[in-house]
Amino acid sequence: MFKEVLQEILDRTEGCLGVLIIGLDGIAAEKLWHDDVTDLNLQIAVTEYVALAKDARHLSSDNDLSPLREMMISNGDESFIMRLIDDEHFLTVILSKDANSGRARYELRRAELLLNSQLVA
């Protein structure tokens, strides 16, 4: 079930390098990479960015702000969009610099709804 949802995101998002479901502990529950991607440093980066996202969640909570739902980190060559799909996991997409981030955000939201409906059923 999870692998199929990740494959849809990968296929439907031009410039997508990889998609992961990653826990707050930084361990990937499921991951899927584009055929051209061999850089394992991307997964290490996602693991480190989870720590930033956890801090952002606490910041929101500590300051009586709305809960964190999504976070985007961009560097020169890649963008990482992380969407919280439950209390313990982020759905994360890694994009090339020329990718359509709007489409990726749409696909993340769509996948979140699909996964939640499967988990509740």
Protein backbone atom coordinates (compact mmCIF):
# COMPACT_ATOMS: atom_id res chain seq x y z
CA MET A 1 0.00 0.00 0.00
CA PHE A 2 2.66 2.55 1.01
CA LYS A 3 4.97 1.68 -1.86
CA GLU A 4 2.17 2.24 -4.42
CA VAL A 5 1.39 5.69 -2.99
CA LEU A 6 5.08 6.65 -3.09
CA GLN A 7 5.35 5.39 -6.67
CA GLU A 8 2.42 7.60 -7.71
CA ILE A 9 4.13 10.66 -6.25
CA LEU A 10 7.40 9.77 -7.99
CA ASP A 11 5.65 9.20 -11.32
CA ARG A 12 3.37 12.25 -11.18
CA THR A 13 5.92 14.82 -10.01
CA GLU A 14 8.42 15.91 -12.62
CA GLY A 15 11.87 16.37 -11.11
CA CYS A 16 11.15 14.17 -8.09
CA LEU A 17 14.33 12.47 -6.90
CA GLY A 18 12.82 10.42 -4.11
CA VAL A 19 9.93 9.99 -1.70
CA LEU A 20 10.12 8.73 1.87
CA ILE A 21 7.90 8.01 4.81
CA ILE A 22 10.18 8.81 7.71
CA GLY A 23 9.55 8.63 11.43
CA LEU A 24 10.33 11.30 13.97
CA ASP A 25 13.24 9.07 14.97
CA GLY A 26 14.80 9.64 11.53
CA ILE A 27 14.30 6.06 10.36
CA ALA A 28 12.65 5.61 6.95
CA ALA A 29 9.61 3.31 7.14
CA GLU A 30 9.42 3.24 3.34
CA LYS A 31 11.43 4.91 0.58
CA LEU A 32 11.51 5.03 -3.17
CA TRP A 33 14.16 6.66 -5.35
CA HIS A 34 14.13 7.74 -8.98
CA ASP A 35 16.20 5.38 -11.15
CA ASP A 36 18.85 8.05 -11.77
CA VAL A 37 19.46 8.78 -8.08
CA THR A 38 22.45 7.15 -6.41
CA ASP A 39 23.33 9.81 -3.82
CA LEU A 40 22.74 8.34 -0.36
CA ASN A 41 23.57 11.72 1.12
CA LEU A 42 19.98 12.73 0.29
CA GLN A 43 18.63 10.22 2.78
CA ILE A 44 21.11 11.40 5.40
CA ALA A 45 19.97 14.97 4.78
CA VAL A 46 16.31 13.98 5.24
CA THR A 47 17.18 12.32 8.53
CA GLU A 48 18.86 15.51 9.73
CA TYR A 49 15.99 17.69 8.50
CA VAL A 50 13.58 15.61 10.59
CA ALA A 51 15.37 16.98 13.65
CA LEU A 52 14.70 20.53 12.40
CA ALA A 53 11.05 19.67 11.79
CA LYS A 54 10.72 18.26 15.31
CA ASP A 55 12.12 21.52 16.69
CA ALA A 56 9.66 23.50 14.54
CA ARG A 57 6.79 21.38 15.90
CA HIS A 58 7.84 22.17 19.46
CA LEU A 59 8.23 25.86 18.63
CA SER A 60 4.69 26.00 17.27
CA SER A 61 3.33 24.18 20.30
CA ASP A 62 5.29 26.22 22.85
CA ASN A 63 4.09 29.50 21.34
CA ASP A 64 0.41 28.54 21.00
CA LEU A 65 0.60 28.52 17.21
CA SER A 66 -1.24 26.16 14.92
CA PRO A 67 0.45 22.75 14.64
CA LEU A 68 3.15 22.30 12.02
CA ARG A 69 1.79 20.52 8.93
CA GLU A 70 4.45 21.09 6.31
CA MET A 71 8.01 22.35 6.00
CA MET A 72 10.18 23.07 2.96
CA ILE A 73 13.96 23.32 2.92
CA SER A 74 15.77 24.40 -0.24
CA ASN A 75 19.43 24.46 -1.05
CA GLY A 76 21.21 25.07 -4.34
CA ASP A 77 20.38 21.80 -6.03
CA GLU A 78 17.51 20.17 -4.13
CA SER A 79 14.36 20.98 -2.21
CA PHE A 80 12.91 18.87 0.58
CA ILE A 81 9.21 19.12 1.35
CA MET A 82 8.11 17.36 4.52
CA ARG A 83 4.44 16.88 5.37
CA LEU A 84 3.33 15.44 8.69
CA ILE A 85 0.92 12.59 7.93
CA ASP A 86 0.30 11.44 11.52
CA ASP A 87 1.77 12.10 14.96
CA GLU A 88 4.88 10.05 14.20
CA HIS A 89 5.68 10.25 10.45
CA PHE A 90 6.55 12.70 7.73
CA LEU A 91 5.91 12.09 4.06
CA THR A 92 8.93 13.67 2.40
CA VAL A 93 9.60 14.44 -1.24
CA ILE A 94 13.03 15.41 -2.57
CA LEU A 95 13.01 17.56 -5.70
CA SER A 96 15.62 18.65 -8.20
CA LYS A 97 16.18 22.39 -8.55
CA ASP A 98 13.97 22.57 -11.66
CA ALA A 99 11.05 20.55 -10.26
CA ASN A 100 7.53 21.86 -9.79
CA SER A 101 7.17 22.31 -6.03
CA GLY A 102 3.47 23.19 -6.37
CA ARG A 103 2.75 19.84 -7.97
CA ALA A 104 4.81 18.09 -5.29
CA ARG A 105 2.84 19.80 -2.52
CA TYR A 106 -0.41 18.76 -4.19
CA GLU A 107 0.77 15.16 -4.46
CA LEU A 108 1.88 15.14 -0.81
CA ARG A 109 -1.55 16.34 0.33
CA ARG A 110 -3.28 13.81 -1.92
CA ALA A 111 -1.07 11.02 -0.60
CA GLU A 112 -1.72 12.08 2.99
CA LEU A 113 -5.47 11.71 2.42
CA LEU A 114 -5.01 8.33 0.73
CA LEU A 115 -2.77 7.00 3.48
CA ASN A 116 -5.04 8.26 6.25
CA SER A 117 -8.09 6.67 4.66
CA GLN A 118 -6.22 3.35 4.39
CA LEU A 119 -4.98 3.50 7.97
CA VAL A 120 -8.44 4.28 9.38
CA ALA A 121 -10.26 1.61 7.33
